[in-house]
PDB file of N, CA and C in Angstrom:
ATOM      1  N   MET A   1       0.855  -1.178   0.000  1.00  0.00           N
ATOM      2  CA  MET A   1       0.000   0.000   0.000  1.00  0.00           C
ATOM      3  C   MET A   1       0.895   1.233   0.000  1.00  0.00           C
ATOM      4  N   SER A   2       0.968   1.903  -1.080  1.00  0.00           N
ATOM      5  CA  SER A   2       1.802   3.100  -1.149  1.00  0.00           C
ATOM      6  C   SER A   2       0.923   4.342  -1.066  1.00  0.00           C
ATOM      7  N   GLY A   3       1.505   5.402  -0.588  1.00  0.00           N
ATOM      8  CA  GLY A   3       0.786   6.663  -0.498  1.00  0.00           C
ATOM      9  C   GLY A   3      -0.081   6.799   0.748  1.00  0.00           C
ATOM     10  N   PHE A   4       0.095   5.913   1.747  1.00  0.00           N
ATOM     11  CA  PHE A   4      -0.688   6.031   2.974  1.00  0.00           C
ATOM     12  C   PHE A   4      -0.231   7.246   3.763  1.00  0.00           C
ATOM     13  N   GLU A   5      -1.199   8.000   4.245  1.00  0.00           N
ATOM     14  CA  GLU A   5      -0.927   9.098   5.159  1.00  0.00           C
ATOM     15  C   GLU A   5      -1.997   9.063   6.234  1.00  0.00           C
ATOM     16  N   CYS A   6      -1.571   9.001   7.489  1.00  0.00           N
ATOM     17  CA  CYS A   6      -2.500   8.935   8.601  1.00  0.00           C
ATOM     18  C   CYS A   6      -3.389  10.182   8.628  1.00  0.00           C
ATOM     19  N   PRO A   7      -4.709  10.008   8.701  1.00  0.00           N
ATOM     20  CA  PRO A   7      -5.595  11.173   8.734  1.00  0.00           C
ATOM     21  C   PRO A   7      -5.542  11.942  10.050  1.00  0.00           C
ATOM     22  N   LYS A   8      -4.933  11.369  11.081  1.00  0.00           N
ATOM     23  CA  LYS A   8      -4.850  12.036  12.391  1.00  0.00           C
ATOM     24  C   LYS A   8      -3.566  12.822  12.582  1.00  0.00           C
ATOM     25  N   CYS A   9      -2.416  12.235  12.152  1.00  0.00           N
ATOM     26  CA  CYS A   9      -1.136  12.903  12.446  1.00  0.00           C
ATOM     27  C   CYS A   9      -0.254  13.097  11.205  1.00  0.00           C
ATOM     28  N   ALA A  10      -0.708  12.685  10.028  1.00  0.00           N
ATOM     29  CA  ALA A  10       0.000  12.843   8.748  1.00  0.00           C
ATOM     30  C   ALA A  10       1.259  11.990   8.639  1.00  0.00           C
ATOM     31  N   ASN A  11       1.454  11.023   9.517  1.00  0.00           N
ATOM     32  CA  ASN A  11       2.578  10.102   9.434  1.00  0.00           C
ATOM     33  C   ASN A  11       2.393   9.197   8.207  1.00  0.00           C
ATOM     34  N   THR A  12       3.497   8.785   7.606  1.00  0.00           N
ATOM     35  CA  THR A  12       3.397   7.917   6.425  1.00  0.00           C
ATOM     36  C   THR A  12       3.878   6.492   6.688  1.00  0.00           C
ATOM     37  N   ASP A  13       4.275   6.170   7.915  1.00  0.00           N
ATOM     38  CA  ASP A  13       4.698   4.811   8.267  1.00  0.00           C
ATOM     39  C   ASP A  13       3.522   4.071   8.894  1.00  0.00           C
ATOM     40  N   TYR A  14       3.363   2.809   8.541  1.00  0.00           N
ATOM     41  CA  TYR A  14       2.221   2.045   9.018  1.00  0.00           C
ATOM     42  C   TYR A  14       2.550   0.558   9.134  1.00  0.00           C
ATOM     43  N   ASP A  15       1.740  -0.152   9.881  1.00  0.00           N
ATOM     44  CA  ASP A  15       1.783  -1.612   9.978  1.00  0.00           C
ATOM     45  C   ASP A  15       0.441  -2.140   9.485  1.00  0.00           C
ATOM     46  N   THR A  16       0.442  -3.352   8.945  1.00  0.00           N
ATOM     47  CA  THR A  16      -0.807  -3.973   8.526  1.00  0.00           C
ATOM     48  C   THR A  16      -1.033  -5.263   9.295  1.00  0.00           C
ATOM     49  N   GLY A  17      -2.272  -5.662   9.383  1.00  0.00           N
ATOM     50  CA  GLY A  17      -2.633  -6.906  10.051  1.00  0.00           C
ATOM     51  C   GLY A  17      -3.949  -7.417   9.501  1.00  0.00           C
ATOM     52  N   GLN A  18      -4.373  -8.569  10.011  1.00  0.00           N
ATOM     53  CA  GLN A  18      -5.649  -9.143   9.592  1.00  0.00           C
ATOM     54  C   GLN A  18      -6.344  -9.771  10.780  1.00  0.00           C
ATOM     55  N   PHE A  19      -7.662  -9.829  10.709  1.00  0.00           N
ATOM     56  CA  PHE A  19      -8.439 -10.562  11.702  1.00  0.00           C
ATOM     57  C   PHE A  19      -9.738 -11.018  11.066  1.00  0.00           C
ATOM     58  N   ARG A  20     -10.373 -11.966  11.714  1.00  0.00           N
ATOM     59  CA  ARG A  20     -11.672 -12.467  11.274  1.00  0.00           C
ATOM     60  C   ARG A  20     -12.695 -12.146  12.347  1.00  0.00           C
ATOM     61  N   ALA A  21     -13.840 -11.664  11.906  1.00  0.00           N
ATOM     62  CA  ALA A  21     -14.943 -11.410  12.829  1.00  0.00           C
ATOM     63  C   ALA A  21     -15.749 -12.692  12.929  1.00  0.00           C
ATOM     64  N   GLY A  22     -15.845 -13.218  14.115  1.00  0.00           N
ATOM     65  CA  GLY A  22     -16.536 -14.491  14.282  1.00  0.00           C
ATOM     66  C   GLY A  22     -17.821 -14.341  15.053  1.00  0.00           C
ATOM     67  N   GLY A  23     -18.646 -15.353  14.948  1.00  0.00           N
ATOM     68  CA  GLY A  23     -19.886 -15.409  15.702  1.00  0.00           C
ATOM     69  C   GLY A  23     -19.922 -16.686  16.505  1.00  0.00           C
ATOM     70  N   GLY A  24     -21.077 -17.053  16.930  1.00  0.00           N
ATOM     71  CA  GLY A  24     -21.249 -18.288  17.676  1.00  0.00           C
ATOM     72  C   GLY A  24     -21.257 -19.491  16.754  1.00  0.00           C
ATOM     73  N   THR A  25     -21.457 -20.645  17.344  1.00  0.00           N
ATOM     74  CA  THR A  25     -21.443 -21.898  16.588  1.00  0.00           C
ATOM     75  C   THR A  25     -22.538 -21.929  15.539  1.00  0.00           C
ATOM     76  N   LEU A  26     -23.737 -21.490  15.883  1.00  0.00           N
ATOM     77  CA  LEU A  26     -24.845 -21.522  14.922  1.00  0.00           C
ATOM     78  C   LEU A  26     -24.598 -20.601  13.733  1.00  0.00           C
ATOM     79  N   SER A  27     -24.056 -19.416  13.976  1.00  0.00           N
ATOM     80  CA  SER A  27     -23.787 -18.514  12.860  1.00  0.00           C
ATOM     81  C   SER A  27     -22.714 -19.094  11.951  1.00  0.00           C
ATOM     82  N   LYS A  28     -21.772 -19.836  12.511  1.00  0.00           N
ATOM     83  CA  LYS A  28     -20.733 -20.461  11.700  1.00  0.00           C
ATOM     84  C   LYS A  28     -21.323 -21.544  10.797  1.00  0.00           C
ATOM     85  N   ILE A  29     -22.283 -22.293  11.333  1.00  0.00           N
ATOM     86  CA  ILE A  29     -22.917 -23.363  10.556  1.00  0.00           C
ATOM     87  C   ILE A  29     -23.767 -22.790   9.430  1.00  0.00           C
ATOM     88  N   PHE A  30     -24.568 -21.776   9.732  1.00  0.00           N
ATOM     89  CA  PHE A  30     -25.521 -21.271   8.745  1.00  0.00           C
ATOM     90  C   PHE A  30     -24.962 -20.189   7.828  1.00  0.00           C
ATOM     91  N   ASP A  31     -24.014 -19.416   8.289  1.00  0.00           N
ATOM     92  CA  ASP A  31     -23.492 -18.301   7.496  1.00  0.00           C
ATOM     93  C   ASP A  31     -22.184 -18.627   6.791  1.00  0.00           C
ATOM     94  N   GLY A  32     -21.612 -19.778   7.004  1.00  0.00           N
ATOM     95  CA  GLY A  32     -20.324 -20.089   6.399  1.00  0.00           C
ATOM     96  C   GLY A  32     -19.201 -19.464   7.197  1.00  0.00           C
ATOM     97  N   GLN A  33     -18.145 -19.099   6.534  1.00  0.00           N
ATOM     98  CA  GLN A  33     -16.970 -18.551   7.207  1.00  0.00           C
ATOM     99  C   GLN A  33     -17.160 -17.080   7.544  1.00  0.00           C
ATOM    100  N   PRO A  34     -16.602 -16.640   8.681  1.00  0.00           N
ATOM    101  CA  PRO A  34     -16.732 -15.238   9.063  1.00  0.00           C
ATOM    102  C   PRO A  34     -15.927 -14.347   8.115  1.00  0.00           C
ATOM    103  N   PRO A  35     -16.349 -13.103   7.977  1.00  0.00           N
ATOM    104  CA  PRO A  35     -15.616 -12.201   7.082  1.00  0.00           C
ATOM    105  C   PRO A  35     -14.216 -11.897   7.608  1.00  0.00           C
ATOM    106  N   ARG A  36     -13.300 -11.642   6.682  1.00  0.00           N
ATOM    107  CA  ARG A  36     -11.913 -11.316   7.017  1.00  0.00           C
ATOM    108  C   ARG A  36     -11.710  -9.820   6.795  1.00  0.00           C
ATOM    109  N   PHE A  37     -10.937  -9.197   7.674  1.00  0.00           N
ATOM    110  CA  PHE A  37     -10.668  -7.768   7.586  1.00  0.00           C
ATOM    111  C   PHE A  37      -9.171  -7.510   7.621  1.00  0.00           C
ATOM    112  N   THR A  38      -8.747  -6.460   6.933  1.00  0.00           N
ATOM    113  CA  THR A  38      -7.360  -6.010   6.942  1.00  0.00           C
ATOM    114  C   THR A  38      -7.301  -4.698   7.705  1.00  0.00           C
ATOM    115  N   THR A  39      -6.279  -4.546   8.552  1.00  0.00           N
ATOM    116  CA  THR A  39      -6.104  -3.312   9.305  1.00  0.00           C
ATOM    117  C   THR A  39      -4.845  -2.586   8.848  1.00  0.00           C
ATOM    118  N   VAL A  40      -4.895  -1.267   8.897  1.00  0.00           N
ATOM    119  CA  VAL A  40      -3.734  -0.414   8.635  1.00  0.00           C
ATOM    120  C   VAL A  40      -3.594   0.492   9.846  1.00  0.00           C
ATOM    121  N   THR A  41      -2.464   0.373  10.558  1.00  0.00           N
ATOM    122  CA  THR A  41      -2.258   1.107  11.809  1.00  0.00           C
ATOM    123  C   THR A  41      -1.071   2.050  11.691  1.00  0.00           C
ATOM    124  N   CYS A  42      -1.279   3.307  12.027  1.00  0.00           N
ATOM    125  CA  CYS A  42      -0.215   4.311  12.041  1.00  0.00           C
ATOM    126  C   CYS A  42       0.797   3.943  13.118  1.00  0.00           C
ATOM    127  N   THR A  43       2.085   3.984  12.775  1.00  0.00           N
ATOM    128  CA  THR A  43       3.123   3.624  13.750  1.00  0.00           C
ATOM    129  C   THR A  43       3.367   4.730  14.783  1.00  0.00           C
ATOM    130  N   ARG A  44       2.904   5.926  14.509  1.00  0.00           N
ATOM    131  CA  ARG A  44       3.127   7.031  15.453  1.00  0.00           C
ATOM    132  C   ARG A  44       1.980   7.151  16.457  1.00  0.00           C
ATOM    133  N   CYS A  45       0.755   7.352  15.997  1.00  0.00           N
ATOM    134  CA  CYS A  45      -0.360   7.613  16.917  1.00  0.00           C
ATOM    135  C   CYS A  45      -1.262   6.395  17.135  1.00  0.00           C
ATOM    136  N   ARG A  46      -1.009   5.292  16.408  1.00  0.00           N
ATOM    137  CA  ARG A  46      -1.733   4.026  16.522  1.00  0.00           C
ATOM    138  C   ARG A  46      -3.167   4.086  16.003  1.00  0.00           C
ATOM    139  N   PHE A  47      -3.534   5.144  15.275  1.00  0.00           N
ATOM    140  CA  PHE A  47      -4.847   5.198  14.642  1.00  0.00           C
ATOM    141  C   PHE A  47      -4.946   4.025  13.672  1.00  0.00           C
ATOM    142  N   THR A  48      -6.085   3.312  13.678  1.00  0.00           N
ATOM    143  CA  THR A  48      -6.243   2.115  12.860  1.00  0.00           C
ATOM    144  C   THR A  48      -7.465   2.228  11.967  1.00  0.00           C
ATOM    145  N   GLU A  49      -7.279   1.925  10.687  1.00  0.00           N
ATOM    146  CA  GLU A  49      -8.381   1.839   9.736  1.00  0.00           C
ATOM    147  C   GLU A  49      -8.621   0.368   9.437  1.00  0.00           C
ATOM    148  N   VAL A  50      -9.888  -0.015   9.240  1.00  0.00           N
ATOM    149  CA  VAL A  50     -10.260  -1.405   8.995  1.00  0.00           C
ATOM    150  C   VAL A  50     -10.934  -1.494   7.633  1.00  0.00           C
ATOM    151  N   TYR A  51     -10.497  -2.481   6.825  1.00  0.00           N
ATOM    152  CA  TYR A  51     -11.047  -2.698   5.495  1.00  0.00           C
ATOM    153  C   TYR A  51     -11.486  -4.147   5.356  1.00  0.00           C
ATOM    154  N   LYS A  52     -12.623  -4.361   4.724  1.00  0.00           N
ATOM    155  CA  LYS A  52     -13.075  -5.725   4.465  1.00  0.00           C
ATOM    156  C   LYS A  52     -12.199  -6.313   3.371  1.00  0.00           C
ATOM    157  N   ALA A  53     -11.638  -7.499   3.635  1.00  0.00           N
ATOM    158  CA  ALA A  53     -10.704  -8.129   2.694  1.00  0.00           C
ATOM    159  C   ALA A  53     -11.449  -9.078   1.754  1.00  0.00           C
ATOM    160  N   ASP A  54     -10.948  -9.200   0.554  1.00  0.00           N
ATOM    161  CA  ASP A  54     -11.469 -10.170  -0.394  1.00  0.00           C
ATOM    162  C   ASP A  54     -10.970 -11.550  -0.007  1.00  0.00           C
ATOM    163  N   LYS A  55     -11.751 -12.549  -0.325  1.00  0.00           N
ATOM    164  CA  LYS A  55     -11.399 -13.916   0.028  1.00  0.00           C
ATOM    165  C   LYS A  55     -11.544 -14.786  -1.209  1.00  0.00           C
ATOM    166  N   SER A  56     -10.557 -15.621  -1.441  1.00  0.00           N
ATOM    167  CA  SER A  56     -10.601 -16.487  -2.610  1.00  0.00           C
ATOM    168  C   SER A  56     -11.417 -17.738  -2.318  1.00  0.00           C
ATOM    169  N   ARG A  57     -11.858 -18.410  -3.347  1.00  0.00           N
ATOM    170  CA  ARG A  57     -12.618 -19.659  -3.201  1.00  0.00           C
ATOM    171  C   ARG A  57     -11.748 -20.741  -2.545  1.00  0.00           C
ATOM    172  N   LEU A  58     -10.458 -20.742  -2.858  1.00  0.00           N
ATOM    173  CA  LEU A  58      -9.541 -21.713  -2.268  1.00  0.00           C
ATOM    174  C   LEU A  58      -9.471 -21.535  -0.755  1.00  0.00           C
ATOM    175  N   GLU A  59      -9.461 -20.297  -0.287  1.00  0.00           N
ATOM    176  CA  GLU A  59      -9.456 -20.039   1.158  1.00  0.00           C
ATOM    177  C   GLU A  59     -10.730 -20.552   1.808  1.00  0.00           C
ATOM    178  N   ASP A  60     -11.871 -20.401   1.134  1.00  0.00           N
ATOM    179  CA  ASP A  60     -13.128 -20.927   1.660  1.00  0.00           C
ATOM    180  C   ASP A  60     -13.043 -22.433   1.869  1.00  0.00           C
ATOM    181  N   ILE A  61     -12.501 -23.137   0.899  1.00  0.00           N
ATOM    182  CA  ILE A  61     -12.385 -24.591   0.985  1.00  0.00           C
ATOM    183  C   ILE A  61     -11.415 -24.974   2.097  1.00  0.00           C
ATOM    184  N   PHE A  62     -10.289 -24.291   2.180  1.00  0.00           N
ATOM    185  CA  PHE A  62      -9.302 -24.571   3.232  1.00  0.00           C
ATOM    186  C   PHE A  62      -9.905 -24.319   4.611  1.00  0.00           C
ATOM    187  N   ASP A  63     -10.636 -23.199   4.777  1.00  0.00           N
ATOM    188  CA  ASP A  63     -11.251 -22.866   6.054  1.00  0.00           C
ATOM    189  C   ASP A  63     -12.290 -23.901   6.475  1.00  0.00           C
ATOM    190  N   LEU A  64     -13.006 -24.435   5.530  1.00  0.00           N
ATOM    191  CA  LEU A  64     -14.020 -25.426   5.821  1.00  0.00           C
ATOM    192  C   LEU A  64     -13.418 -26.642   6.534  1.00  0.00           C
ATOM    193  N   PHE A  65     -12.213 -27.041   6.112  1.00  0.00           N
ATOM    194  CA  PHE A  65     -11.585 -28.215   6.679  1.00  0.00           C
ATOM    195  C   PHE A  65     -10.711 -27.930   7.900  1.00  0.00           C
ATOM    196  N   THR A  66     -10.345 -26.665   8.123  1.00  0.00           N
ATOM    197  CA  THR A  66      -9.456 -26.355   9.245  1.00  0.00           C
ATOM    198  C   THR A  66     -10.168 -25.729  10.429  1.00  0.00           C
ATOM    199  N   ASN A  67     -11.376 -25.228  10.269  1.00  0.00           N
ATOM    200  CA  ASN A  67     -12.096 -24.604  11.392  1.00  0.00           C
ATOM    201  C   ASN A  67     -13.024 -25.571  12.046  1.00  0.00           C
TER     202      ASN A  67
END
């Protein structure tokens, strides 16, 4: 990701991460896999933006067998 500038402090250095939003057992059974999100965090002030990540069909199949 090039051209990132923190909207709070104008810093241009950042870290990225990922997480999955999960629900209970029933939501996992009926809704499939929980959505995946990507985070971008400013290294100076720690302001974090969250973006919904795209997921490939292969990841869906892998998740089905590993979760």
